[in-house]
């Protein structure tokens, strides 16, 4: 079994490799403005802007806040097959049309973005979302909520438990994205979530504890 340190190192290496591949495209965002802060004509054609709190979870799995039209070119570069939205609100029409036009399937698992102490994260909903993530036929997949912090953090935390990460490492990752708004209730949910019914699903993640 890989140690938590080894698993994290592998995950970070995967993320670094992805960002290195995308860096030249993202850099075009800086080059699209002249010295007066004005955009050059046609600069938007190749501008790659990641969604808020974008990061690579593992090979073929990404996380972020809610993507909008400014992020479409970046999302196309990921060659996504699936998007998992954890927000209950109706999906924006412009984003929905982008997904359809690019053959990206949308799964929406609505979880209310409540604040402590009124937090109710439904186990069944998270379990169904995890089944979609664990199916490699859905990869590459993007997981997102509104800001990519709490609901996304809970789902990713459950993924890490399936990968046999120690809880301290799982919580470190959660807190890195949640920042000052980290919730004890989210971390308690991650710790107590029953992953036993999902252990039969194949774990093909590159930083899995297999």
N, C-alpha and C. Protein backbone atom coordinates (compact mmCIF):
# COMPACT_ATOMS: atom_id res chain seq x y z
N UNK A 1 0.85 -1.20 0.00
CA UNK A 1 0.00 0.00 0.00
C UNK A 1 0.88 1.24 0.00
N UNK A 2 0.52 2.23 -0.80
CA UNK A 2 1.26 3.46 -0.81
C UNK A 2 1.01 4.24 0.47
N UNK A 3 2.02 4.92 0.96
CA UNK A 3 1.82 5.80 2.09
C UNK A 3 1.07 7.03 1.62
N UNK A 4 0.50 7.80 2.59
CA UNK A 4 -0.20 9.02 2.21
C UNK A 4 0.74 9.98 1.52
N UNK A 5 1.98 10.05 2.02
CA UNK A 5 2.95 10.96 1.43
C UNK A 5 3.23 10.59 -0.01
N UNK A 6 3.40 9.31 -0.28
CA UNK A 6 3.67 8.86 -1.64
C UNK A 6 2.48 9.12 -2.56
N UNK A 7 1.27 8.88 -2.03
CA UNK A 7 0.07 9.11 -2.83
C UNK A 7 -0.09 10.57 -3.16
N UNK A 8 0.16 11.44 -2.17
CA UNK A 8 0.06 12.87 -2.41
C UNK A 8 1.10 13.33 -3.41
N UNK A 9 2.30 12.81 -3.28
CA UNK A 9 3.36 13.20 -4.20
C UNK A 9 3.01 12.82 -5.63
N UNK A 10 2.41 11.64 -5.80
CA UNK A 10 2.01 11.20 -7.14
C UNK A 10 0.91 12.09 -7.69
N UNK A 11 -0.06 12.44 -6.84
CA UNK A 11 -1.15 13.32 -7.27
C UNK A 11 -0.62 14.68 -7.67
N UNK A 12 0.32 15.21 -6.89
CA UNK A 12 0.90 16.52 -7.20
C UNK A 12 1.70 16.46 -8.49
N UNK A 13 2.39 15.34 -8.72
CA UNK A 13 3.16 15.18 -9.96
C UNK A 13 2.23 15.15 -11.16
N UNK A 14 1.10 14.47 -11.01
CA UNK A 14 0.12 14.42 -12.10
C UNK A 14 -0.41 15.81 -12.41
N UNK A 15 -0.74 16.56 -11.35
CA UNK A 15 -1.27 17.91 -11.53
C UNK A 15 -0.23 18.82 -12.17
N UNK A 16 1.03 18.69 -11.75
CA UNK A 16 2.09 19.51 -12.31
C UNK A 16 2.29 19.21 -13.78
N UNK A 17 2.21 17.93 -14.14
CA UNK A 17 2.35 17.55 -15.55
C UNK A 17 1.25 18.16 -16.40
N UNK A 18 0.01 18.11 -15.88
CA UNK A 18 -1.10 18.69 -16.62
C UNK A 18 -0.91 20.19 -16.80
N UNK A 19 -0.56 20.87 -15.71
CA UNK A 19 -0.40 22.32 -15.78
C UNK A 19 0.75 22.72 -16.68
N UNK A 20 1.80 21.91 -16.71
CA UNK A 20 2.92 22.19 -17.61
C UNK A 20 2.48 22.12 -19.07
N UNK A 21 1.60 21.15 -19.35
CA UNK A 21 1.10 21.02 -20.72
C UNK A 21 0.19 22.17 -21.12
N UNK A 22 -0.56 22.68 -20.14
CA UNK A 22 -1.50 23.76 -20.43
C UNK A 22 -0.90 25.14 -20.26
N UNK A 23 0.25 25.24 -19.60
CA UNK A 23 0.84 26.54 -19.29
C UNK A 23 1.01 27.45 -20.50
N UNK A 24 1.55 26.96 -21.64
CA UNK A 24 1.71 27.84 -22.79
C UNK A 24 0.40 28.45 -23.26
N UNK A 25 -0.70 27.70 -23.13
CA UNK A 25 -2.00 28.20 -23.56
C UNK A 25 -2.54 29.21 -22.56
N UNK A 26 -2.36 28.91 -21.26
CA UNK A 26 -2.83 29.84 -20.23
C UNK A 26 -2.06 31.14 -20.29
N UNK A 27 -0.77 31.05 -20.61
CA UNK A 27 0.06 32.25 -20.68
C UNK A 27 -0.45 33.23 -21.72
N UNK A 28 -1.19 32.75 -22.72
CA UNK A 28 -1.71 33.64 -23.74
C UNK A 28 -2.67 34.67 -23.16
N UNK A 29 -3.21 34.35 -21.98
CA UNK A 29 -4.08 35.32 -21.32
C UNK A 29 -3.30 36.57 -20.98
N UNK A 30 -2.07 36.42 -20.49
CA UNK A 30 -1.24 37.56 -20.15
C UNK A 30 -0.80 38.32 -21.40
N UNK A 31 -0.60 37.58 -22.49
CA UNK A 31 -0.10 38.21 -23.71
C UNK A 31 -1.21 38.86 -24.54
N UNK A 32 -2.46 38.66 -24.11
CA UNK A 32 -3.57 39.19 -24.89
C UNK A 32 -3.81 40.67 -24.62
N UNK A 33 -3.10 41.24 -23.63
CA UNK A 33 -3.24 42.66 -23.31
C UNK A 33 -1.98 43.42 -23.69
N UNK A 34 -2.15 44.62 -24.20
CA UNK A 34 -0.97 45.44 -24.47
C UNK A 34 -0.59 46.24 -23.24
N UNK A 35 0.39 47.10 -23.34
CA UNK A 35 0.90 47.83 -22.19
C UNK A 35 -0.12 48.77 -21.60
N UNK A 36 -1.16 49.14 -22.36
CA UNK A 36 -2.21 50.03 -21.86
C UNK A 36 -3.38 49.28 -21.26
N UNK A 37 -3.23 47.94 -21.18
CA UNK A 37 -4.28 47.12 -20.61
C UNK A 37 -5.41 46.83 -21.57
N UNK A 38 -5.22 47.17 -22.85
CA UNK A 38 -6.25 46.93 -23.84
C UNK A 38 -6.02 45.60 -24.53
N UNK A 39 -7.10 44.91 -24.82
CA UNK A 39 -6.99 43.61 -25.47
C UNK A 39 -6.76 43.77 -26.96
N UNK A 40 -5.89 42.94 -27.51
CA UNK A 40 -5.67 42.92 -28.95
C UNK A 40 -6.84 42.26 -29.64
N UNK A 41 -7.14 42.64 -30.84
CA UNK A 41 -8.23 42.04 -31.61
C UNK A 41 -7.94 40.57 -31.84
N UNK A 42 -8.94 39.75 -31.59
CA UNK A 42 -8.79 38.31 -31.84
C UNK A 42 -8.06 37.58 -30.74
N UNK A 43 -7.66 38.29 -29.66
CA UNK A 43 -6.88 37.64 -28.61
C UNK A 43 -7.68 36.55 -27.90
N UNK A 44 -9.01 36.72 -27.84
CA UNK A 44 -9.82 35.77 -27.09
C UNK A 44 -9.87 34.40 -27.74
N UNK A 45 -9.48 34.30 -29.00
CA UNK A 45 -9.59 33.03 -29.71
C UNK A 45 -8.81 31.92 -29.03
N UNK A 46 -7.65 32.25 -28.46
CA UNK A 46 -6.79 31.23 -27.88
C UNK A 46 -6.55 31.45 -26.39
N UNK A 47 -7.39 32.24 -25.74
CA UNK A 47 -7.22 32.49 -24.31
C UNK A 47 -7.77 31.31 -23.51
N UNK A 48 -6.97 30.79 -22.61
CA UNK A 48 -7.36 29.66 -21.77
C UNK A 48 -7.46 30.15 -20.33
N UNK A 49 -8.67 30.21 -19.80
CA UNK A 49 -8.89 30.68 -18.43
C UNK A 49 -9.50 29.55 -17.60
N UNK A 50 -8.78 29.01 -16.63
CA UNK A 50 -9.34 27.93 -15.80
C UNK A 50 -10.47 28.46 -14.93
N UNK A 51 -11.44 27.62 -14.60
CA UNK A 51 -12.48 28.03 -13.65
C UNK A 51 -11.88 28.30 -12.27
N UNK A 52 -12.65 28.97 -11.44
CA UNK A 52 -12.24 29.24 -10.07
C UNK A 52 -11.87 27.95 -9.35
N UNK A 53 -10.75 27.98 -8.62
CA UNK A 53 -10.30 26.84 -7.81
C UNK A 53 -10.11 25.56 -8.63
N UNK A 54 -9.72 25.71 -9.88
CA UNK A 54 -9.47 24.53 -10.70
C UNK A 54 -8.24 23.78 -10.21
N UNK A 55 -8.33 22.45 -10.22
CA UNK A 55 -7.18 21.61 -9.87
C UNK A 55 -7.42 20.21 -10.40
N UNK A 56 -6.34 19.48 -10.55
CA UNK A 56 -6.42 18.07 -10.95
C UNK A 56 -6.48 17.21 -9.69
N UNK A 57 -7.47 16.34 -9.60
CA UNK A 57 -7.59 15.43 -8.47
C UNK A 57 -6.75 14.18 -8.71
N UNK A 58 -6.87 13.66 -9.91
CA UNK A 58 -6.11 12.49 -10.33
C UNK A 58 -6.21 12.42 -11.85
N UNK A 59 -5.55 11.44 -12.42
CA UNK A 59 -5.59 11.30 -13.87
C UNK A 59 -7.03 11.17 -14.35
N UNK A 60 -7.49 12.13 -15.15
CA UNK A 60 -8.83 12.08 -15.69
C UNK A 60 -9.91 12.64 -14.79
N UNK A 61 -9.53 13.19 -13.62
CA UNK A 61 -10.52 13.75 -12.69
C UNK A 61 -10.07 15.16 -12.29
N UNK A 62 -10.96 16.14 -12.47
CA UNK A 62 -10.65 17.53 -12.15
C UNK A 62 -11.72 18.09 -11.23
N UNK A 63 -11.40 19.21 -10.57
CA UNK A 63 -12.34 19.88 -9.68
C UNK A 63 -12.26 21.39 -9.92
N UNK A 64 -13.36 22.08 -9.62
CA UNK A 64 -13.35 23.53 -9.79
C UNK A 64 -14.60 24.14 -9.20
N UNK A 65 -14.67 25.47 -9.29
CA UNK A 65 -15.91 26.18 -9.04
C UNK A 65 -16.74 26.16 -10.31
N UNK A 66 -17.88 26.86 -10.29
CA UNK A 66 -18.81 26.84 -11.42
C UNK A 66 -18.16 27.47 -12.65
N UNK A 67 -18.02 26.73 -13.74
CA UNK A 67 -17.43 27.30 -14.96
C UNK A 67 -18.42 28.20 -15.68
N UNK A 68 -17.88 29.21 -16.37
CA UNK A 68 -18.74 30.06 -17.20
C UNK A 68 -18.13 30.19 -18.58
N UNK A 69 -18.69 31.08 -19.40
CA UNK A 69 -18.27 31.17 -20.80
C UNK A 69 -16.80 31.53 -20.96
N UNK A 70 -16.22 32.24 -20.00
CA UNK A 70 -14.80 32.60 -20.07
C UNK A 70 -13.90 31.37 -19.98
N UNK A 71 -14.45 30.27 -19.47
CA UNK A 71 -13.66 29.05 -19.26
C UNK A 71 -13.85 28.00 -20.35
N UNK A 72 -14.67 28.28 -21.34
CA UNK A 72 -15.02 27.25 -22.32
C UNK A 72 -13.81 26.74 -23.10
N UNK A 73 -12.94 27.64 -23.54
CA UNK A 73 -11.76 27.20 -24.30
C UNK A 73 -10.88 26.30 -23.45
N UNK A 74 -10.74 26.64 -22.19
CA UNK A 74 -9.93 25.83 -21.28
C UNK A 74 -10.57 24.45 -21.10
N UNK A 75 -11.88 24.41 -20.90
CA UNK A 75 -12.56 23.13 -20.71
C UNK A 75 -12.44 22.25 -21.94
N UNK A 76 -12.50 22.86 -23.14
CA UNK A 76 -12.34 22.08 -24.37
C UNK A 76 -10.97 21.41 -24.41
N UNK A 77 -9.95 22.09 -23.88
CA UNK A 77 -8.60 21.52 -23.90
C UNK A 77 -8.47 20.28 -23.02
N UNK A 78 -9.39 20.13 -22.06
CA UNK A 78 -9.36 18.96 -21.18
C UNK A 78 -10.00 17.73 -21.82
N UNK A 79 -10.72 17.93 -22.94
CA UNK A 79 -11.40 16.85 -23.64
C UNK A 79 -12.35 16.08 -22.71
N UNK A 80 -13.13 16.83 -21.96
CA UNK A 80 -14.03 16.24 -20.98
C UNK A 80 -15.09 15.36 -21.64
N UNK A 81 -15.43 14.30 -20.93
CA UNK A 81 -16.58 13.48 -21.31
C UNK A 81 -17.78 13.78 -20.41
N UNK A 82 -17.47 14.19 -19.17
CA UNK A 82 -18.51 14.32 -18.16
C UNK A 82 -18.28 15.53 -17.27
N UNK A 83 -19.37 16.16 -16.86
CA UNK A 83 -19.34 17.20 -15.83
C UNK A 83 -20.31 16.79 -14.73
N UNK A 84 -19.85 16.85 -13.50
CA UNK A 84 -20.70 16.58 -12.33
C UNK A 84 -20.92 17.89 -11.60
N UNK A 85 -22.17 18.33 -11.55
CA UNK A 85 -22.52 19.57 -10.85
C UNK A 85 -23.19 19.21 -9.53
N UNK A 86 -22.72 19.80 -8.44
CA UNK A 86 -23.26 19.50 -7.12
C UNK A 86 -24.20 20.59 -6.62
N UNK A 87 -24.62 21.50 -7.51
CA UNK A 87 -25.54 22.58 -7.15
C UNK A 87 -26.96 22.21 -7.55
N UNK A 88 -27.96 22.60 -6.76
CA UNK A 88 -29.34 22.24 -7.08
C UNK A 88 -30.02 23.20 -8.06
N UNK A 89 -29.44 24.37 -8.28
CA UNK A 89 -30.06 25.37 -9.14
C UNK A 89 -30.06 24.91 -10.60
N UNK A 90 -31.01 25.39 -11.40
CA UNK A 90 -31.04 25.06 -12.83
C UNK A 90 -29.71 25.43 -13.49
N UNK A 91 -29.23 24.54 -14.34
CA UNK A 91 -27.93 24.77 -14.98
C UNK A 91 -28.06 25.90 -16.00
N UNK A 92 -27.10 26.84 -16.04
CA UNK A 92 -27.18 27.96 -16.99
C UNK A 92 -27.29 27.46 -18.43
N UNK A 93 -28.16 28.07 -19.19
CA UNK A 93 -28.42 27.61 -20.55
C UNK A 93 -27.17 27.68 -21.43
N UNK A 94 -26.40 28.77 -21.28
CA UNK A 94 -25.23 28.92 -22.14
C UNK A 94 -24.20 27.83 -21.87
N UNK A 95 -24.04 27.46 -20.60
CA UNK A 95 -23.09 26.40 -20.24
C UNK A 95 -23.62 25.04 -20.66
N UNK A 96 -24.92 24.85 -20.50
CA UNK A 96 -25.54 23.60 -20.93
C UNK A 96 -25.39 23.39 -22.43
N UNK A 97 -25.56 24.46 -23.20
CA UNK A 97 -25.41 24.38 -24.66
C UNK A 97 -23.97 24.07 -25.04
N UNK A 98 -23.01 24.64 -24.29
CA UNK A 98 -21.60 24.35 -24.54
C UNK A 98 -21.32 22.85 -24.33
N UNK A 99 -21.85 22.30 -23.25
CA UNK A 99 -21.64 20.88 -22.98
C UNK A 99 -22.22 20.01 -24.08
N UNK A 100 -23.44 20.33 -24.50
CA UNK A 100 -24.09 19.55 -25.56
C UNK A 100 -23.30 19.64 -26.86
N UNK A 101 -22.83 20.84 -27.19
CA UNK A 101 -22.11 21.04 -28.44
C UNK A 101 -20.80 20.27 -28.47
N UNK A 102 -20.25 19.97 -27.30
CA UNK A 102 -18.97 19.28 -27.23
C UNK A 102 -19.10 17.83 -26.76
N UNK A 103 -20.32 17.33 -26.77
CA UNK A 103 -20.53 15.92 -26.41
C UNK A 103 -20.20 15.59 -24.98
N UNK A 104 -20.38 16.56 -24.08
CA UNK A 104 -20.06 16.37 -22.66
C UNK A 104 -21.36 16.10 -21.90
N UNK A 105 -21.41 14.98 -21.20
CA UNK A 105 -22.62 14.62 -20.46
C UNK A 105 -22.64 15.30 -19.10
N UNK A 106 -23.79 15.85 -18.74
CA UNK A 106 -23.95 16.53 -17.46
C UNK A 106 -24.72 15.65 -16.49
N UNK A 107 -24.14 15.45 -15.30
CA UNK A 107 -24.82 14.82 -14.18
C UNK A 107 -25.00 15.88 -13.10
N UNK A 108 -26.22 16.10 -12.66
CA UNK A 108 -26.46 17.10 -11.63
C UNK A 108 -26.97 16.42 -10.37
N UNK A 109 -26.20 16.56 -9.30
CA UNK A 109 -26.55 16.01 -7.99
C UNK A 109 -26.71 17.19 -7.04
N UNK A 110 -27.94 17.66 -6.91
CA UNK A 110 -28.19 18.88 -6.15
C UNK A 110 -27.99 18.72 -4.66
N UNK A 111 -27.03 19.48 -4.12
CA UNK A 111 -26.78 19.53 -2.68
C UNK A 111 -26.88 21.00 -2.27
N UNK A 112 -27.76 21.29 -1.34
CA UNK A 112 -27.92 22.68 -0.90
C UNK A 112 -26.64 23.19 -0.28
N UNK A 113 -26.29 24.43 -0.62
CA UNK A 113 -25.07 25.05 -0.08
C UNK A 113 -25.33 25.73 1.24
N UNK A 114 -25.76 24.96 2.23
CA UNK A 114 -26.09 25.51 3.54
C UNK A 114 -24.83 25.82 4.34
N UNK A 115 -24.98 26.70 5.31
CA UNK A 115 -23.88 27.06 6.19
C UNK A 115 -24.09 26.42 7.55
N UNK A 116 -22.97 26.24 8.26
CA UNK A 116 -23.07 25.67 9.61
C UNK A 116 -23.89 26.60 10.49
N UNK A 117 -24.63 26.08 11.48
CA UNK A 117 -24.72 24.65 11.84
C UNK A 117 -25.80 23.90 11.06
N UNK A 118 -26.41 24.57 10.06
CA UNK A 118 -27.53 23.95 9.32
C UNK A 118 -26.99 23.28 8.06
N UNK A 119 -26.21 22.25 8.25
CA UNK A 119 -25.59 21.56 7.13
C UNK A 119 -26.19 20.16 7.01
N UNK A 120 -26.67 19.84 5.84
CA UNK A 120 -27.24 18.50 5.61
C UNK A 120 -26.71 17.98 4.28
N UNK A 121 -25.66 17.20 4.34
CA UNK A 121 -25.06 16.62 3.14
C UNK A 121 -25.64 15.21 2.98
N UNK A 122 -26.45 14.99 1.97
CA UNK A 122 -27.11 13.68 1.82
C UNK A 122 -26.15 12.59 1.37
N UNK A 123 -26.04 11.55 2.17
CA UNK A 123 -25.15 10.43 1.87
C UNK A 123 -25.48 9.79 0.51
N UNK A 124 -26.77 9.58 0.26
CA UNK A 124 -27.17 8.90 -0.97
C UNK A 124 -26.75 9.68 -2.21
N UNK A 125 -26.87 11.00 -2.14
CA UNK A 125 -26.50 11.84 -3.28
C UNK A 125 -25.01 11.76 -3.55
N UNK A 126 -24.22 11.84 -2.48
CA UNK A 126 -22.76 11.75 -2.64
C UNK A 126 -22.38 10.38 -3.17
N UNK A 127 -23.05 9.35 -2.69
CA UNK A 127 -22.76 7.98 -3.14
C UNK A 127 -23.03 7.82 -4.65
N UNK A 128 -24.13 8.39 -5.12
CA UNK A 128 -24.45 8.31 -6.54
C UNK A 128 -23.45 9.09 -7.38
N UNK A 129 -23.02 10.24 -6.87
CA UNK A 129 -22.01 11.04 -7.58
C UNK A 129 -20.68 10.29 -7.65
N UNK A 130 -20.33 9.60 -6.57
CA UNK A 130 -19.09 8.83 -6.55
C UNK A 130 -19.12 7.70 -7.58
N UNK A 131 -20.27 7.09 -7.76
CA UNK A 131 -20.38 6.01 -8.75
C UNK A 131 -20.06 6.52 -10.15
N UNK A 132 -20.49 7.76 -10.44
CA UNK A 132 -20.18 8.36 -11.74
C UNK A 132 -18.69 8.61 -11.86
N UNK A 133 -18.08 9.12 -10.79
CA UNK A 133 -16.64 9.41 -10.81
C UNK A 133 -15.82 8.14 -10.97
N UNK A 134 -16.24 7.07 -10.31
CA UNK A 134 -15.48 5.83 -10.31
C UNK A 134 -15.56 5.08 -11.64
N UNK A 135 -16.53 5.42 -12.46
CA UNK A 135 -16.68 4.76 -13.76
C UNK A 135 -15.75 5.43 -14.76
N UNK A 136 -14.67 4.75 -15.13
CA UNK A 136 -13.66 5.35 -16.01
C UNK A 136 -14.21 5.68 -17.39
N UNK A 137 -15.37 5.12 -17.72
CA UNK A 137 -15.99 5.46 -19.01
C UNK A 137 -16.45 6.91 -19.03
N UNK A 138 -16.56 7.53 -17.85
CA UNK A 138 -16.95 8.93 -17.75
C UNK A 138 -15.76 9.89 -17.75
N UNK A 139 -14.56 9.36 -17.76
CA UNK A 139 -13.36 10.20 -17.70
C UNK A 139 -12.97 10.70 -19.10
N UNK A 140 -12.40 11.89 -19.16
CA UNK A 140 -12.13 12.86 -18.10
C UNK A 140 -13.42 13.51 -17.58
N UNK A 141 -13.44 13.75 -16.26
CA UNK A 141 -14.62 14.29 -15.62
C UNK A 141 -14.24 15.51 -14.79
N UNK A 142 -15.12 16.50 -14.79
CA UNK A 142 -14.95 17.70 -13.96
C UNK A 142 -16.03 17.71 -12.90
N UNK A 143 -15.62 17.82 -11.64
CA UNK A 143 -16.54 17.94 -10.49
C UNK A 143 -16.57 19.41 -10.09
N UNK A 144 -17.76 19.97 -9.95
CA UNK A 144 -17.80 21.36 -9.50
C UNK A 144 -19.05 21.66 -8.69
N UNK A 145 -18.94 22.68 -7.85
CA UNK A 145 -20.09 23.27 -7.17
C UNK A 145 -20.02 24.76 -7.47
N UNK A 146 -20.44 25.61 -6.56
CA UNK A 146 -20.44 27.04 -6.86
C UNK A 146 -19.03 27.62 -6.85
N UNK A 147 -18.28 27.34 -5.76
CA UNK A 147 -16.93 27.90 -5.65
C UNK A 147 -15.85 26.83 -5.55
N UNK A 148 -16.23 25.57 -5.64
CA UNK A 148 -15.24 24.49 -5.62
C UNK A 148 -14.62 24.26 -4.27
N UNK A 149 -15.35 24.60 -3.21
CA UNK A 149 -14.78 24.49 -1.86
C UNK A 149 -15.44 23.38 -1.04
N UNK A 150 -16.70 23.58 -0.63
CA UNK A 150 -17.30 22.70 0.37
C UNK A 150 -17.91 21.43 -0.22
N UNK A 151 -18.89 21.58 -1.10
CA UNK A 151 -19.52 20.38 -1.67
C UNK A 151 -18.53 19.58 -2.51
N UNK A 152 -17.76 20.27 -3.33
CA UNK A 152 -16.72 19.59 -4.11
C UNK A 152 -15.68 18.98 -3.18
N UNK A 153 -15.33 19.71 -2.12
CA UNK A 153 -14.34 19.22 -1.16
C UNK A 153 -14.80 17.95 -0.47
N UNK A 154 -16.09 17.86 -0.17
CA UNK A 154 -16.61 16.65 0.47
C UNK A 154 -16.53 15.46 -0.48
N UNK A 155 -16.90 15.66 -1.73
CA UNK A 155 -16.85 14.57 -2.70
C UNK A 155 -15.42 14.11 -2.93
N UNK A 156 -14.51 15.06 -3.10
CA UNK A 156 -13.10 14.71 -3.29
C UNK A 156 -12.55 14.02 -2.05
N UNK A 157 -12.97 14.47 -0.87
CA UNK A 157 -12.52 13.83 0.37
C UNK A 157 -12.92 12.37 0.43
N UNK A 158 -14.13 12.06 -0.06
CA UNK A 158 -14.57 10.67 -0.09
C UNK A 158 -13.77 9.86 -1.11
N UNK A 159 -13.40 10.50 -2.22
CA UNK A 159 -12.54 9.84 -3.19
C UNK A 159 -11.20 9.49 -2.54
N UNK A 160 -10.64 10.42 -1.79
CA UNK A 160 -9.36 10.18 -1.13
C UNK A 160 -9.45 9.02 -0.13
N UNK A 161 -10.58 8.91 0.55
CA UNK A 161 -10.74 7.79 1.47
C UNK A 161 -10.76 6.47 0.71
N UNK A 162 -11.39 6.46 -0.46
CA UNK A 162 -11.37 5.26 -1.29
C UNK A 162 -9.96 4.95 -1.77
N UNK A 163 -9.13 5.99 -1.89
CA UNK A 163 -7.75 5.81 -2.30
C UNK A 163 -6.84 5.48 -1.11
N UNK A 164 -7.48 5.34 0.07
CA UNK A 164 -6.76 4.94 1.30
C UNK A 164 -5.81 6.03 1.80
N UNK A 165 -6.14 7.27 1.56
CA UNK A 165 -5.36 8.36 2.16
C UNK A 165 -5.67 8.40 3.66
N UNK A 166 -4.68 8.77 4.45
CA UNK A 166 -4.93 8.97 5.88
C UNK A 166 -5.74 10.26 6.05
N UNK A 167 -6.52 10.32 7.13
CA UNK A 167 -7.45 11.44 7.31
C UNK A 167 -6.74 12.79 7.41
N UNK A 168 -5.57 12.81 8.01
CA UNK A 168 -4.86 14.09 8.14
C UNK A 168 -4.55 14.68 6.75
N UNK A 169 -4.18 13.82 5.81
CA UNK A 169 -3.90 14.29 4.45
C UNK A 169 -5.17 14.69 3.72
N UNK A 170 -6.25 13.95 3.97
CA UNK A 170 -7.54 14.29 3.36
C UNK A 170 -7.99 15.66 3.85
N UNK A 171 -7.87 15.90 5.14
CA UNK A 171 -8.29 17.18 5.71
C UNK A 171 -7.38 18.32 5.28
N UNK A 172 -6.10 18.04 5.13
CA UNK A 172 -5.18 19.08 4.65
C UNK A 172 -5.60 19.57 3.27
N UNK A 173 -5.96 18.62 2.40
CA UNK A 173 -6.38 19.00 1.05
C UNK A 173 -7.69 19.78 1.10
N UNK A 174 -8.64 19.30 1.89
CA UNK A 174 -9.92 20.00 2.01
C UNK A 174 -9.70 21.44 2.48
N UNK A 175 -8.89 21.61 3.51
CA UNK A 175 -8.66 22.93 4.08
C UNK A 175 -7.91 23.85 3.13
N UNK A 176 -7.08 23.28 2.27
CA UNK A 176 -6.33 24.09 1.31
C UNK A 176 -7.27 24.80 0.35
N UNK A 177 -8.37 24.14 -0.02
CA UNK A 177 -9.33 24.77 -0.92
C UNK A 177 -10.37 25.60 -0.17
N UNK A 178 -10.78 25.14 1.01
CA UNK A 178 -11.81 25.85 1.77
C UNK A 178 -11.25 27.09 2.45
N UNK A 179 -9.97 27.08 2.76
CA UNK A 179 -9.34 28.23 3.39
C UNK A 179 -9.97 28.58 4.73
N UNK A 180 -10.21 29.87 4.94
CA UNK A 180 -10.76 30.35 6.21
C UNK A 180 -12.19 29.87 6.41
N UNK A 181 -12.84 29.38 5.35
CA UNK A 181 -14.23 28.94 5.44
C UNK A 181 -14.36 27.43 5.59
N UNK A 182 -13.29 26.77 6.02
CA UNK A 182 -13.34 25.32 6.25
C UNK A 182 -14.40 25.00 7.30
N UNK A 183 -15.15 23.94 7.09
CA UNK A 183 -16.24 23.57 7.98
C UNK A 183 -15.94 22.25 8.69
N UNK A 184 -16.08 22.27 9.99
CA UNK A 184 -15.90 21.05 10.78
C UNK A 184 -16.91 20.00 10.35
N UNK A 185 -18.14 20.45 10.01
CA UNK A 185 -19.20 19.50 9.62
C UNK A 185 -18.84 18.77 8.33
N UNK A 186 -18.18 19.46 7.39
CA UNK A 186 -17.74 18.82 6.15
C UNK A 186 -16.71 17.73 6.45
N UNK A 187 -15.76 18.06 7.31
CA UNK A 187 -14.71 17.10 7.64
C UNK A 187 -15.28 15.90 8.41
N UNK A 188 -16.28 16.16 9.25
CA UNK A 188 -16.93 15.07 9.96
C UNK A 188 -17.67 14.16 8.97
N UNK A 189 -18.31 14.78 7.97
CA UNK A 189 -19.00 13.99 6.95
C UNK A 189 -18.02 13.09 6.21
N UNK A 190 -16.89 13.64 5.80
CA UNK A 190 -15.87 12.87 5.07
C UNK A 190 -15.40 11.69 5.93
N UNK A 191 -15.16 11.96 7.21
CA UNK A 191 -14.65 10.91 8.10
C UNK A 191 -15.65 9.79 8.32
N UNK A 192 -16.93 10.13 8.44
CA UNK A 192 -17.94 9.14 8.79
C UNK A 192 -18.62 8.51 7.58
N UNK A 193 -18.37 9.05 6.38
CA UNK A 193 -19.04 8.53 5.20
C UNK A 193 -18.69 7.05 4.99
N UNK A 194 -19.72 6.23 4.76
CA UNK A 194 -19.55 4.79 4.60
C UNK A 194 -19.14 4.47 3.16
N UNK A 195 -17.88 4.10 2.98
CA UNK A 195 -17.39 3.80 1.63
C UNK A 195 -17.45 2.30 1.32
N UNK A 196 -17.94 1.50 2.27
CA UNK A 196 -17.89 0.04 2.10
C UNK A 196 -18.66 -0.43 0.87
N UNK A 197 -19.78 0.24 0.55
CA UNK A 197 -20.58 -0.20 -0.58
C UNK A 197 -19.95 0.16 -1.91
N UNK A 198 -18.89 0.95 -1.89
CA UNK A 198 -18.22 1.37 -3.13
C UNK A 198 -16.89 0.66 -3.34
N UNK A 199 -16.49 -0.15 -2.40
CA UNK A 199 -15.18 -0.80 -2.50
C UNK A 199 -15.13 -1.82 -3.63
N UNK A 200 -16.29 -2.25 -4.10
CA UNK A 200 -16.31 -3.21 -5.21
C UNK A 200 -16.05 -2.52 -6.54
N UNK A 201 -16.17 -1.18 -6.56
CA UNK A 201 -15.89 -0.44 -7.79
C UNK A 201 -14.39 -0.43 -8.04
N UNK A 202 -13.97 -0.64 -9.28
CA UNK A 202 -12.54 -0.66 -9.58
C UNK A 202 -11.88 0.68 -9.34
N UNK A 203 -10.74 0.65 -8.65
CA UNK A 203 -9.98 1.88 -8.39
C UNK A 203 -8.79 1.92 -9.34
N UNK A 204 -8.92 2.66 -10.39
CA UNK A 204 -7.86 2.73 -11.39
C UNK A 204 -7.07 4.04 -11.28
N UNK A 205 -7.28 4.77 -10.16
CA UNK A 205 -6.59 6.04 -10.00
C UNK A 205 -5.08 5.83 -9.91
N UNK A 206 -4.35 6.80 -10.45
CA UNK A 206 -2.89 6.67 -10.45
C UNK A 206 -2.30 6.77 -9.06
N UNK A 207 -3.00 7.44 -8.12
CA UNK A 207 -2.45 7.53 -6.77
C UNK A 207 -3.29 6.74 -5.79
N UNK A 208 -3.92 5.70 -6.30
CA UNK A 208 -4.69 4.82 -5.42
C UNK A 208 -3.76 4.06 -4.50
N UNK A 209 -4.31 3.60 -3.39
CA UNK A 209 -3.51 2.85 -2.43
C UNK A 209 -3.39 1.40 -2.77
N UNK A 210 -3.79 1.00 -3.96
CA UNK A 210 -3.70 -0.42 -4.35
C UNK A 210 -2.26 -0.86 -4.48
